[in-house]
Protein backbone atom coordinates (compact mmCIF):
# COMPACT_ATOMS: atom_id res chain seq x y z
CA MET A 1 -2.88 19.49 -10.72
CA LEU A 2 -0.52 17.28 -8.15
CA THR A 3 -0.70 20.10 -5.85
CA ALA A 4 -4.77 20.32 -5.89
CA LEU A 5 -4.57 17.42 -5.28
CA ILE A 6 -2.04 17.00 -2.64
CA LEU A 7 -3.81 20.42 -1.15
CA LEU A 8 -7.55 19.70 -1.26
CA PRO A 9 -8.30 17.33 1.36
CA LEU A 10 -5.71 19.65 3.76
CA VAL A 11 -7.74 22.81 2.95
CA THR A 12 -11.14 20.62 3.28
CA ALA A 13 -10.27 19.55 6.80
CA LEU A 14 -9.00 23.35 7.89
CA LEU A 15 -12.49 24.22 6.65
CA ILE A 16 -14.16 21.70 8.49
CA ALA A 17 -12.57 23.06 11.68
CA PHE A 18 -14.53 25.97 11.23
CA ILE A 19 -17.69 24.10 11.04
CA PRO A 20 -19.87 23.50 14.12
CA ARG A 21 -19.61 20.21 15.00
CA ASP A 22 -23.65 19.55 15.38
CA LEU A 23 -23.76 19.52 11.44
CA ARG A 24 -22.76 16.26 11.37
CA PHE A 25 -24.66 15.94 7.85
CA GLY A 26 -22.78 18.53 6.50
CA ILE A 27 -19.50 17.87 7.66
CA ARG A 28 -19.50 14.33 6.27
CA LEU A 29 -20.94 15.67 2.84
CA VAL A 30 -17.63 18.36 2.60
CA ALA A 31 -15.20 15.71 3.38
CA LEU A 32 -17.62 13.30 0.84
CA ALA A 33 -17.51 15.45 -1.87
CA ALA A 34 -13.59 16.89 -0.96
CA THR A 35 -12.62 13.00 -1.67
CA PHE A 36 -14.95 12.36 -4.84
CA VAL A 37 -13.33 15.75 -6.36
CA ASN A 38 -9.93 14.07 -5.49
CA LEU A 39 -10.68 11.00 -7.57
CA VAL A 40 -12.40 12.61 -10.61
CA LEU A 41 -9.14 14.64 -10.44
CA GLY A 42 -6.52 11.40 -9.87
CA LEU A 43 -8.67 9.75 -12.78
CA ILE A 44 -7.85 12.57 -15.36
CA LEU A 45 -4.18 12.73 -14.10
CA PHE A 46 -4.41 9.07 -14.67
CA LEU A 47 -5.42 9.25 -17.87
CA ARG A 48 -3.80 12.14 -18.97
CA PHE A 49 -0.67 10.45 -18.32
CA ASN A 50 1.18 9.60 -21.95
CA THR A 51 1.71 6.09 -21.81
CA GLY A 52 5.15 4.40 -22.71
CA GLU A 53 7.19 7.97 -21.90
CA ALA A 54 9.92 7.57 -19.33
CA GLY A 55 10.57 10.75 -16.84
CA TYR A 56 8.56 12.70 -14.90
CA GLN A 57 5.11 14.47 -15.96
CA PHE A 58 3.32 17.27 -13.86
CA VAL A 59 5.84 18.57 -12.60
CA GLU A 60 6.19 21.65 -10.13
CA ASN A 61 9.46 22.62 -8.60
CA ILE A 62 9.67 25.36 -6.05
CA PRO A 63 12.66 26.23 -4.42
CA TRP A 64 11.63 26.27 -0.43
CA VAL A 65 15.06 26.49 1.71
CA SER A 66 17.70 26.74 -0.88
CA ALA A 67 20.23 26.86 1.81
CA LEU A 68 19.77 23.30 2.39
CA GLY A 69 18.75 21.73 -0.95
CA ILE A 70 14.89 21.86 0.12
CA ASN A 71 12.75 22.48 -2.98
CA TYR A 72 8.61 21.64 -3.30
CA HIS A 73 9.34 19.20 -5.96
CA VAL A 74 6.22 16.88 -6.80
CA GLY A 75 5.78 14.63 -9.84
CA VAL A 76 4.24 11.23 -11.72
CA ASP A 77 6.24 8.46 -13.20
CA GLY A 78 4.91 5.34 -14.15
CA VAL A 79 6.16 4.43 -10.30
CA ASN A 80 3.72 6.61 -8.40
CA ILE A 81 0.91 7.33 -11.07
CA GLY A 82 -1.13 3.99 -10.08
CA LEU A 83 0.07 4.61 -6.34
CA ILE A 84 -2.08 8.17 -6.66
CA LEU A 85 -4.94 6.63 -8.58
CA MET A 86 -5.16 3.89 -6.01
CA GLY A 87 -4.90 5.91 -2.93
CA VAL A 88 -7.66 8.69 -4.48
CA VAL A 89 -10.22 5.92 -5.11
CA VAL A 90 -9.28 3.91 -1.78
CA ALA A 91 -9.78 7.83 0.18
CA PHE A 92 -13.46 8.15 -1.23
CA ALA A 93 -14.52 4.34 -0.28
CA ALA A 94 -13.04 5.29 3.44
CA ALA A 95 -15.03 8.27 3.48
CA CYS A 96 -18.13 6.46 2.55
CA VAL A 97 -17.70 4.14 4.98
CA SER A 98 -17.31 6.29 7.84
CA TRP A 99 -21.04 6.37 8.65
CA GLU A 100 -19.92 3.93 11.65
CA ILE A 101 -18.17 6.71 13.33
CA LYS A 102 -20.67 7.83 15.69
CA SER A 103 -18.92 10.40 18.35
CA HIS A 104 -16.72 13.31 17.84
CA GLU A 105 -18.00 12.72 14.04
CA LYS A 106 -15.57 16.35 13.12
CA GLU A 107 -12.04 15.35 14.39
CA PHE A 108 -12.58 11.84 12.65
CA TYR A 109 -12.90 13.52 9.44
CA ILE A 110 -10.66 16.15 9.60
CA LEU A 111 -7.95 13.20 10.54
CA LEU A 112 -8.73 11.53 7.89
CA LEU A 113 -8.60 14.35 5.36
CA VAL A 114 -5.37 15.32 6.42
CA MET A 115 -4.39 11.63 6.30
CA THR A 116 -5.33 11.38 2.71
CA GLY A 117 -3.56 14.87 1.77
CA GLY A 118 -0.47 13.49 3.30
CA ILE A 119 -0.78 9.71 1.62
CA LEU A 120 -1.05 11.43 -1.73
CA GLY A 121 1.87 13.94 -1.05
CA ALA A 122 4.34 11.51 0.12
CA PHE A 123 3.82 9.46 -3.41
CA ALA A 124 3.89 12.36 -5.47
CA SER A 125 6.40 14.19 -3.73
CA LEU A 126 10.01 13.74 -5.42
CA ASP A 127 12.55 15.81 -2.42
CA LEU A 128 13.29 13.79 0.48
CA PHE A 129 11.95 16.02 3.04
CA PHE A 130 9.09 16.66 1.97
CA PHE A 131 8.41 12.85 1.18
CA TYR A 132 9.53 12.13 4.71
CA PHE A 133 7.47 15.32 5.78
CA PHE A 134 3.90 14.28 3.73
CA HIS A 135 4.47 10.47 5.21
CA GLU A 136 4.66 12.06 9.07
CA LEU A 137 1.88 13.86 8.37
CA ALA A 138 -0.15 10.69 7.12
CA LEU A 139 0.74 9.04 10.02
CA VAL A 140 0.12 10.85 12.89
CA PRO A 141 -3.53 10.38 12.31
CA THR A 142 -3.55 6.78 12.26
CA PHE A 143 -2.49 6.14 16.01
CA ILE A 144 -4.80 9.19 16.97
CA MET A 145 -7.53 7.36 15.05
CA ILE A 146 -6.91 3.82 16.31
CA GLY A 147 -6.64 5.05 20.40
CA VAL A 148 -10.14 7.36 20.13
CA TRP A 149 -12.27 5.60 17.70
CA GLY A 150 -10.78 1.84 17.62
CA ARG A 151 -12.69 -1.44 18.69
CA GLY A 152 -11.71 -4.46 21.13
CA GLU A 153 -10.06 -4.99 24.45
CA ASP A 154 -6.87 -4.78 23.00
CA LYS A 155 -7.09 -0.90 21.66
CA ASN A 156 -4.75 0.13 24.14
CA TYR A 157 -2.24 -1.94 23.42
CA ALA A 158 -2.42 -1.94 19.60
CA THR A 159 -2.00 1.99 19.99
CA PHE A 160 1.11 1.70 21.64
CA LYS A 161 2.58 -1.08 19.66
CA ILE A 162 1.30 0.35 16.09
CA THR A 163 3.28 3.68 17.63
CA LEU A 164 6.29 2.19 18.94
CA TYR A 165 6.97 0.03 16.04
CA LEU A 166 5.46 2.66 12.95
CA SER A 167 8.21 5.22 14.80
CA ALA A 168 11.38 3.24 14.87
CA GLY A 169 10.87 2.13 11.38
CA ALA A 170 10.06 5.88 10.70
CA LEU A 171 13.77 7.17 12.39
CA ILE A 172 15.09 4.35 10.72
CA ALA A 173 14.86 5.51 7.31
CA LEU A 174 15.13 8.89 8.69
CA VAL A 175 18.83 8.40 9.82
CA GLY A 176 19.10 6.69 6.29
CA LEU A 177 17.97 9.49 4.23
CA ILE A 178 20.18 11.70 6.19
CA ALA A 179 22.97 9.71 5.76
CA LEU A 180 22.54 9.94 2.13
CA TYR A 181 21.96 13.74 1.81
CA LEU A 182 25.49 14.70 3.54
CA GLN A 183 27.42 11.96 0.96
CA LEU A 184 26.96 14.76 -1.46
CA PRO A 185 29.76 17.44 -1.57
CA ALA A 186 29.13 19.75 0.69
CA ASN A 187 28.72 22.94 -1.48
CA ALA A 188 26.07 20.80 -3.17
CA ARG A 189 23.94 19.21 -0.95
CA THR A 190 20.46 18.75 -1.53
CA PHE A 191 17.45 16.79 -0.73
CA ASP A 192 15.90 16.59 -4.32
CA VAL A 193 15.02 13.10 -5.76
CA VAL A 194 15.79 13.76 -9.59
CA THR A 195 19.26 15.41 -8.78
CA LEU A 196 20.82 12.84 -6.23
CA THR A 197 20.08 9.86 -8.71
CA ASN A 198 21.54 11.53 -11.02
CA HIS A 199 24.69 12.73 -8.72
CA PHE A 200 25.20 9.05 -7.38
CA ALA A 201 24.87 7.45 -11.61
CA ALA A 202 27.67 9.50 -12.85
CA ASN A 203 29.62 9.31 -9.03
CA PRO A 204 29.50 6.53 -7.70
CA MET A 205 28.40 6.46 -3.74
CA SER A 206 31.91 4.00 -2.23
CA ALA A 207 31.09 0.74 -0.68
CA ASN A 208 31.34 1.65 2.54
CA ALA A 209 28.82 4.30 2.59
CA GLN A 210 26.41 2.05 0.29
CA GLN A 211 26.86 -0.93 2.87
CA PHE A 212 25.74 1.26 6.09
CA ILE A 213 22.72 3.34 4.20
CA PHE A 214 21.22 0.95 2.34
CA PRO A 215 20.35 -1.75 5.24
CA LEU A 216 18.96 1.36 7.47
CA LEU A 217 16.72 1.85 4.09
CA LEU A 218 16.10 -1.20 4.37
CA PHE A 219 14.83 -2.09 7.39
CA GLY A 220 13.29 1.56 8.09
CA PHE A 221 11.13 1.10 5.50
CA GLY A 222 10.93 -2.59 5.57
CA ILE A 223 9.29 -2.17 9.32
CA LEU A 224 6.59 0.76 7.58
CA VAL A 225 5.89 -2.33 5.43
CA SER A 226 5.51 -4.76 7.91
CA LEU A 227 8.63 -6.85 6.89
CA TRP A 228 8.89 -10.42 8.84
CA PRO A 229 9.87 -10.54 11.72
CA PHE A 230 8.79 -7.24 12.33
CA HIS A 231 5.05 -7.63 11.09
CA THR A 232 3.57 -8.30 14.32
CA TRP A 233 2.37 -4.50 14.65
CA ALA A 234 0.04 -5.15 11.80
CA PRO A 235 -2.92 -7.61 12.24
CA LEU A 236 -3.30 -5.99 15.86
CA GLY A 237 -3.27 -2.74 14.31
CA TYR A 238 -5.64 -3.12 11.58
CA GLY A 239 -7.81 -5.86 13.94
CA ALA A 240 -8.49 -2.25 16.53
CA ALA A 241 -8.24 0.42 13.53
CA PRO A 242 -12.05 1.75 12.72
CA THR A 243 -12.00 1.11 9.04
CA ALA A 244 -11.58 4.35 7.44
CA THR A 245 -8.80 3.55 8.91
CA ALA A 246 -7.46 0.39 8.44
CA MET A 247 -8.24 1.01 4.72
CA LEU A 248 -6.30 3.54 4.54
CA HIS A 249 -3.43 2.26 6.08
CA ALA A 250 -3.06 -1.05 5.06
CA GLY A 251 -4.31 -0.23 1.64
CA VAL A 252 -2.33 2.75 0.94
CA LEU A 253 0.14 4.33 3.62
CA LYS A 254 2.07 1.18 4.38
CA LYS A 255 2.82 0.76 0.30
CA PHE A 256 5.52 4.26 1.38
CA GLY A 257 8.47 1.80 2.46
CA LEU A 258 8.30 -0.24 -0.73
CA TYR A 259 8.01 2.92 -3.14
CA GLY A 260 10.95 4.85 -0.92
CA LEU A 261 13.34 1.03 -1.92
CA ILE A 262 12.23 1.69 -5.48
CA ARG A 263 12.53 5.43 -5.52
CA ILE A 264 16.00 5.73 -3.67
CA ALA A 265 17.51 2.58 -2.29
CA LEU A 266 17.74 0.60 -5.48
CA PRO A 267 18.99 3.02 -8.07
CA MET A 268 21.10 4.91 -5.28
CA MET A 269 23.19 2.20 -3.93
CA PRO A 270 23.23 -0.89 -6.18
CA GLU A 271 26.21 -2.53 -3.95
CA GLY A 272 24.30 -1.88 -1.46
CA ALA A 273 21.58 -3.29 -3.17
CA LYS A 274 23.02 -6.86 -4.12
CA HIS A 275 24.35 -7.44 -0.96
CA TRP A 276 21.29 -7.40 1.34
CA LEU A 277 18.59 -8.44 -1.37
CA GLY A 278 20.03 -12.17 -0.85
CA VAL A 279 18.24 -11.52 2.77
CA LEU A 280 15.45 -9.65 1.68
CA ALA A 281 14.32 -12.47 -0.31
CA LEU A 282 14.74 -15.11 2.67
CA LEU A 283 13.12 -12.50 4.99
CA CYS A 284 10.07 -12.03 2.14
CA LEU A 285 9.52 -15.70 2.77
CA GLY A 286 8.51 -15.35 6.29
CA ASN A 287 5.96 -13.18 5.14
CA ILE A 288 4.47 -15.19 2.29
CA LEU A 289 4.70 -18.64 4.69
CA TYR A 290 4.27 -17.91 8.11
CA CYS A 291 2.34 -15.18 8.05
CA GLY A 292 0.01 -17.22 5.76
CA TRP A 293 0.05 -20.31 8.83
CA VAL A 294 -0.69 -17.79 11.19
CA ALA A 295 -3.75 -16.05 9.25
CA MET A 296 -4.62 -20.05 8.88
CA ARG A 297 -5.07 -20.32 12.98
CA GLN A 298 -7.49 -17.04 12.70
CA ARG A 299 -10.81 -17.09 13.90
CA ASP A 300 -11.35 -13.50 14.06
CA LEU A 301 -11.72 -11.97 10.55
CA ASN A 302 -9.68 -8.70 10.77
CA LEU A 303 -6.87 -11.00 12.24
CA LEU A 304 -6.95 -13.18 9.00
CA ILE A 305 -6.88 -9.87 7.01
CA GLY A 306 -4.07 -8.38 8.71
CA ASN A 307 -2.25 -11.22 8.22
CA SER A 308 -2.98 -11.79 5.09
CA SER A 309 -2.24 -8.21 3.89
CA VAL A 310 1.01 -9.04 5.73
CA ALA A 311 1.80 -12.56 3.65
CA HIS A 312 0.85 -10.37 0.48
CA MET A 313 3.37 -7.55 1.17
CA GLY A 314 6.16 -10.52 0.81
CA PHE A 315 5.24 -10.72 -2.75
CA ALA A 316 6.33 -6.92 -3.08
CA PHE A 317 9.26 -7.57 -1.58
CA LEU A 318 10.58 -10.58 -3.45
CA GLY A 319 9.49 -9.15 -6.85
CA ILE A 320 12.30 -6.15 -5.30
CA ALA A 321 14.46 -8.57 -4.12
CA SER A 322 14.72 -10.22 -7.58
CA LEU A 323 16.06 -6.92 -9.05
CA THR A 324 14.79 -7.72 -12.75
CA LEU A 325 12.64 -5.34 -14.77
CA ILE A 326 9.46 -7.88 -14.88
CA GLY A 327 10.01 -8.44 -11.03
CA VAL A 328 10.14 -4.93 -10.29
CA THR A 329 7.20 -4.01 -12.37
CA GLY A 330 5.16 -6.83 -10.78
CA THR A 331 5.98 -5.61 -7.59
CA VAL A 332 4.46 -2.18 -8.34
CA LEU A 333 1.68 -3.68 -9.92
CA VAL A 334 1.21 -5.73 -6.64
CA MET A 335 1.57 -2.76 -4.35
CA VAL A 336 -1.69 -1.34 -6.21
CA ALA A 337 -3.97 -4.30 -6.76
CA HIS A 338 -3.27 -5.00 -2.65
CA GLY A 339 -4.46 -1.52 -2.09
CA PHE A 340 -7.46 -1.97 -4.01
CA LEU A 341 -7.88 -5.60 -2.19
CA ALA A 342 -6.89 -4.53 1.25
CA ALA A 343 -9.32 -1.41 1.31
CA LEU A 344 -11.81 -4.12 -0.14
CA THR A 345 -11.37 -6.40 2.42
CA PHE A 346 -11.38 -4.69 5.38
CA ALA A 347 -14.51 -1.99 4.24
CA LEU A 348 -16.64 -5.66 3.95
CA SER A 349 -15.29 -6.64 7.71
CA GLY A 350 -16.52 -3.57 9.14
CA TYR A 351 -19.88 -3.85 7.51
CA LEU A 352 -20.01 -7.28 9.31
CA TYR A 353 -19.03 -5.83 12.05
CA HIS A 354 -21.87 -3.39 12.35
CA GLN A 355 -24.44 -5.53 11.64
CA THR A 356 -23.36 -8.52 13.57
CA GLY A 357 -21.43 -6.61 16.83
CA THR A 358 -18.47 -9.56 16.28
CA LEU A 359 -15.56 -10.17 13.70
CA GLN A 360 -15.68 -14.39 14.89
CA MET A 361 -15.92 -16.31 12.34
CA ASP A 362 -16.83 -19.70 14.30
CA GLU A 363 -20.21 -17.18 15.46
CA MET A 364 -21.47 -16.82 11.87
CA GLY A 365 -22.43 -18.32 8.94
CA GLY A 366 -25.53 -18.73 6.63
CA LEU A 367 -24.87 -14.71 5.89
CA LEU A 368 -25.20 -15.46 2.28
CA ARG A 369 -28.38 -15.41 2.52
CA LYS A 370 -29.33 -12.49 4.30
CA LEU A 371 -26.65 -10.68 2.65
CA PRO A 372 -26.38 -11.56 -1.12
CA PHE A 373 -24.48 -8.11 -2.23
CA ILE A 374 -22.22 -7.90 0.42
CA GLY A 375 -21.45 -12.38 0.52
CA ALA A 376 -20.66 -12.05 -2.87
CA ALA A 377 -18.43 -9.09 -2.85
CA MET A 378 -16.83 -10.85 0.14
CA VAL A 379 -16.51 -13.82 -2.02
CA MET A 380 -14.92 -12.20 -5.00
CA ALA A 381 -12.08 -10.03 -2.61
CA MET A 382 -11.47 -13.62 -0.76
CA LEU A 383 -10.72 -15.16 -4.46
CA ALA A 384 -8.92 -12.57 -5.61
CA GLY A 385 -6.42 -12.86 -1.87
CA CYS A 386 -5.97 -16.36 -3.45
CA GLY A 387 -4.48 -14.98 -6.80
CA LEU A 388 -7.47 -15.83 -8.73
CA PRO A 389 -6.93 -14.72 -12.97
CA GLY A 390 -9.30 -11.93 -13.79
CA PHE A 391 -8.24 -9.83 -10.46
CA ALA A 392 -5.26 -7.61 -10.58
CA ASN A 393 -3.19 -9.20 -7.37
CA PHE A 394 -3.12 -12.27 -9.98
CA ALA A 395 -1.67 -10.28 -12.63
CA GLY A 396 1.10 -8.28 -10.17
CA GLU A 397 2.09 -12.06 -8.50
CA VAL A 398 2.92 -13.78 -11.57
CA LEU A 399 5.08 -10.88 -12.53
CA VAL A 400 7.07 -11.22 -9.36
CA LEU A 401 7.51 -15.12 -9.80
CA PHE A 402 8.61 -14.96 -13.89
CA GLY A 403 11.28 -12.20 -12.35
CA THR A 404 12.49 -14.52 -9.62
CA TRP A 405 12.52 -17.06 -11.80
CA LYS A 406 14.92 -14.93 -13.62
CA ALA A 407 16.92 -13.40 -11.36
CA VAL A 408 20.18 -14.62 -11.63
CA ALA A 409 21.73 -12.56 -8.99
CA LEU A 410 19.32 -14.08 -6.00
CA PRO A 411 20.64 -17.43 -4.62
CA HIS A 412 18.27 -20.44 -5.67
CA PRO A 413 15.83 -18.46 -6.95
CA VAL A 414 13.68 -21.56 -8.16
CA TRP A 415 13.18 -22.79 -4.58
CA LEU A 416 11.88 -19.10 -3.76
CA VAL A 417 9.18 -19.32 -7.20
CA THR A 418 8.11 -22.46 -5.69
CA ALA A 419 8.00 -21.82 -2.06
CA ALA A 420 6.02 -18.28 -2.95
CA ALA A 421 3.83 -20.38 -5.21
CA TRP A 422 3.10 -22.81 -2.46
CA GLY A 423 2.47 -20.45 -0.17
CA ALA A 424 -0.05 -18.21 -2.28
CA LEU A 425 -2.21 -21.48 -3.90
CA ILE A 426 -2.07 -23.73 -1.35
CA ILE A 427 -1.85 -21.72 2.30
CA GLY A 428 -3.90 -18.14 0.76
CA ALA A 429 -6.67 -20.72 -0.84
CA VAL A 430 -6.70 -22.79 2.75
CA TYR A 431 -7.63 -19.89 4.80
CA MET A 432 -9.90 -17.77 2.30
CA ILE A 433 -11.89 -20.63 1.34
CA ARG A 434 -12.27 -21.54 5.00
CA ALA A 435 -13.34 -17.94 5.82
CA ILE A 436 -16.05 -17.96 2.73
CA ARG A 437 -17.29 -21.25 4.39
CA ASN A 438 -17.64 -20.37 7.98
CA ILE A 439 -19.21 -16.78 7.42
CA LEU A 440 -21.50 -17.15 4.12
CA HIS A 441 -22.42 -20.82 4.14
CA GLY A 442 -24.12 -23.04 6.33
CA PRO A 443 -27.16 -22.97 8.82
CA LEU A 444 -27.75 -19.38 9.76
CA PRO A 445 -28.36 -18.57 13.40
CA ALA A 446 -31.10 -17.13 14.49
CA LYS A 447 -29.73 -14.33 15.68
CA TRP A 448 -28.36 -12.89 12.72
CA THR A 449 -31.67 -13.00 10.85
CA ALA A 450 -32.41 -9.17 11.10
CA VAL A 451 -29.31 -7.84 9.32
CA THR A 452 -29.86 -6.83 6.08
CA ASP A 453 -27.69 -6.11 3.16
CA ALA A 454 -26.01 -2.98 1.80
CA GLY A 455 -28.74 -0.23 0.19
CA LEU A 456 -27.87 1.32 -3.38
CA LEU A 457 -25.73 3.76 -2.26
CA THR A 458 -23.60 2.05 0.54
CA LYS A 459 -22.89 -0.18 -2.46
CA VAL A 460 -20.54 2.33 -3.93
CA PRO A 461 -17.68 1.51 -2.15
CA TYR A 462 -17.08 -2.01 -2.77
CA ALA A 463 -18.36 -1.90 -6.25
CA LEU A 464 -15.82 0.94 -6.94
CA LEU A 465 -12.90 -1.49 -5.48
CA LEU A 466 -14.00 -4.46 -6.87
CA ALA A 467 -14.59 -2.86 -10.02
CA ALA A 468 -11.05 -1.64 -9.91
CA LEU A 469 -9.57 -5.08 -8.69
CA LEU A 470 -11.51 -6.28 -12.17
CA VAL A 471 -10.39 -3.58 -14.79
CA PHE A 472 -6.50 -3.65 -13.55
CA GLY A 473 -6.94 -7.57 -13.68
CA CYS A 474 -8.54 -8.37 -16.94
CA PHE A 475 -6.29 -5.12 -18.63
CA PRO A 476 -2.85 -5.12 -16.50
CA ARG A 477 -1.51 -3.02 -19.20
CA LEU A 478 -3.41 -0.59 -18.21
CA LEU A 479 -0.80 -0.33 -15.58
CA THR A 480 2.48 -2.04 -17.09
CA ASP A 481 2.89 -0.17 -19.86
CA LYS A 482 3.17 2.90 -17.76
CA ILE A 483 5.22 1.42 -15.28
CA LYS A 484 8.02 -0.37 -17.69
CA PRO A 485 9.40 2.74 -18.69
CA SER A 486 10.01 4.19 -15.74
CA VAL A 487 10.97 1.07 -13.57
CA GLU A 488 13.74 0.07 -16.88
CA PRO A 489 16.18 2.77 -15.88
CA LEU A 490 15.92 2.19 -12.29
CA VAL A 491 16.30 -1.19 -12.50
CA LYS A 492 19.53 -1.10 -14.82
CA MET A 493 21.39 1.36 -12.10
CA ALA A 494 21.03 -0.62 -9.74
CA ALA A 495 21.41 -4.35 -11.72
CA GLY A 496 23.28 -3.10 -14.75
CA PRO A 497 23.61 -5.84 -17.56
CA VAL A 498 22.06 -8.78 -15.45
CA GLU A 499 18.62 -7.02 -16.26
CA LYS A 500 18.86 -8.37 -20.24
CA PRO A 501 17.12 -11.69 -19.71
CA ALA A 502 14.77 -9.94 -17.84
CA ALA A 503 13.59 -7.38 -20.33
CA LYS A 504 12.95 -10.25 -22.70
CA GLY A 505 10.38 -11.52 -20.34
CA VAL A 506 8.38 -8.22 -20.18
CA ALA A 507 8.42 -8.84 -23.80
CA ALA A 508 7.18 -12.48 -23.99
CA ILE A 509 4.75 -11.52 -21.05
CA HIS A 510 2.99 -8.68 -23.13
CA PRO A 511 3.82 -9.15 -26.63
């Protein structure tokens, strides 16, 4: 089933390449059908996953280049099952909103499907070679889509900036992954994540090697996730990107770096983690506080959403830095919740842009009268971004804050929690609620009287993403019960006996 999830969008992209470009409706229908089938397969995979069971499920392991230890090895556990479900939901929603593309539709849908296949392959891979290969397969279409179908005067600058930053981050991470591979004995080298994890659990890596490799992975993956102060590519790139591209990259692909830190860096290099996670905890406050302040100053809706997205990544980094079971569990939940939220907010901003021709919030106002559905969805998305209870973001951020409070290895955890909570509750509320007021309330300018609300079919992607946020917000144990058994051994490898108080915290949150 995992191979089907990965191959279906890639094969469909190849099929579309042979469809005449003048059959625009047929091309779009084929892309929609492929992403919908993937959505159904992803949902079946999620429902068939055995909750509470540690270890990988739906595993396929096929040797590829035995001399180098490269295998096609895929599988899911509690860490990536939610990410794969989120990926197929966002991919379908992105295909639904791609009606905005009016030129070179054939090429756009090919790149969209290649990006989808690469994303799913990266999250499903248990081999470092394919893990990295699939990420690059998904990343390259991002650059092309922004450069060709992007919008705004700074489109070309944004394309170059996001290309340089993400290429640099990927290169740094690649150096770290190759160095990790070389730590094995020459006659037993492999890229297999399971084998590597078991080997370094039984034969810990030297402290010097950990101190060299861990920061490479931390900052390489960190740049890909927009870790402060290497974050400036994200708001600009998302502001210039076509709607579907922003949804897929900000919502899904950006989680690749966080997933790499949890899956690879923490369990394999515990000494390196303990040395550098204090630095990560301080840097992630830059995401939460500084990027929140920057979002408060924005008048462009996409730049506000982009900076808000970067700020939310601070909570994911903080949960990793806590090195507690409840904190890392919260990080995985934040990753899934933010994926749905980022996709929803960029989809809504894209709808507003194509109705009004602008994203300048000062030029809007009173649009709730003309756009009752889109306006209501916007209000719910903005409140979810504030961490309102009932949405999945709240559940994830609360777990992160509890985990950080329990983090005895971090310097001044109380102050970290206080600063993070203040950034989410006060700063986040200011820019989100002000955006609601400026866009949806007040007098309606005469030039917006012709805008129309979403039709029945057009509402599908927004309703789907909202439903996901509410389901996992009201019933977070649908995810946390799957996440905990898989995160627990990874955290124990990284933190050892320090983790015991945090395990009680999880029991207290989920009696």
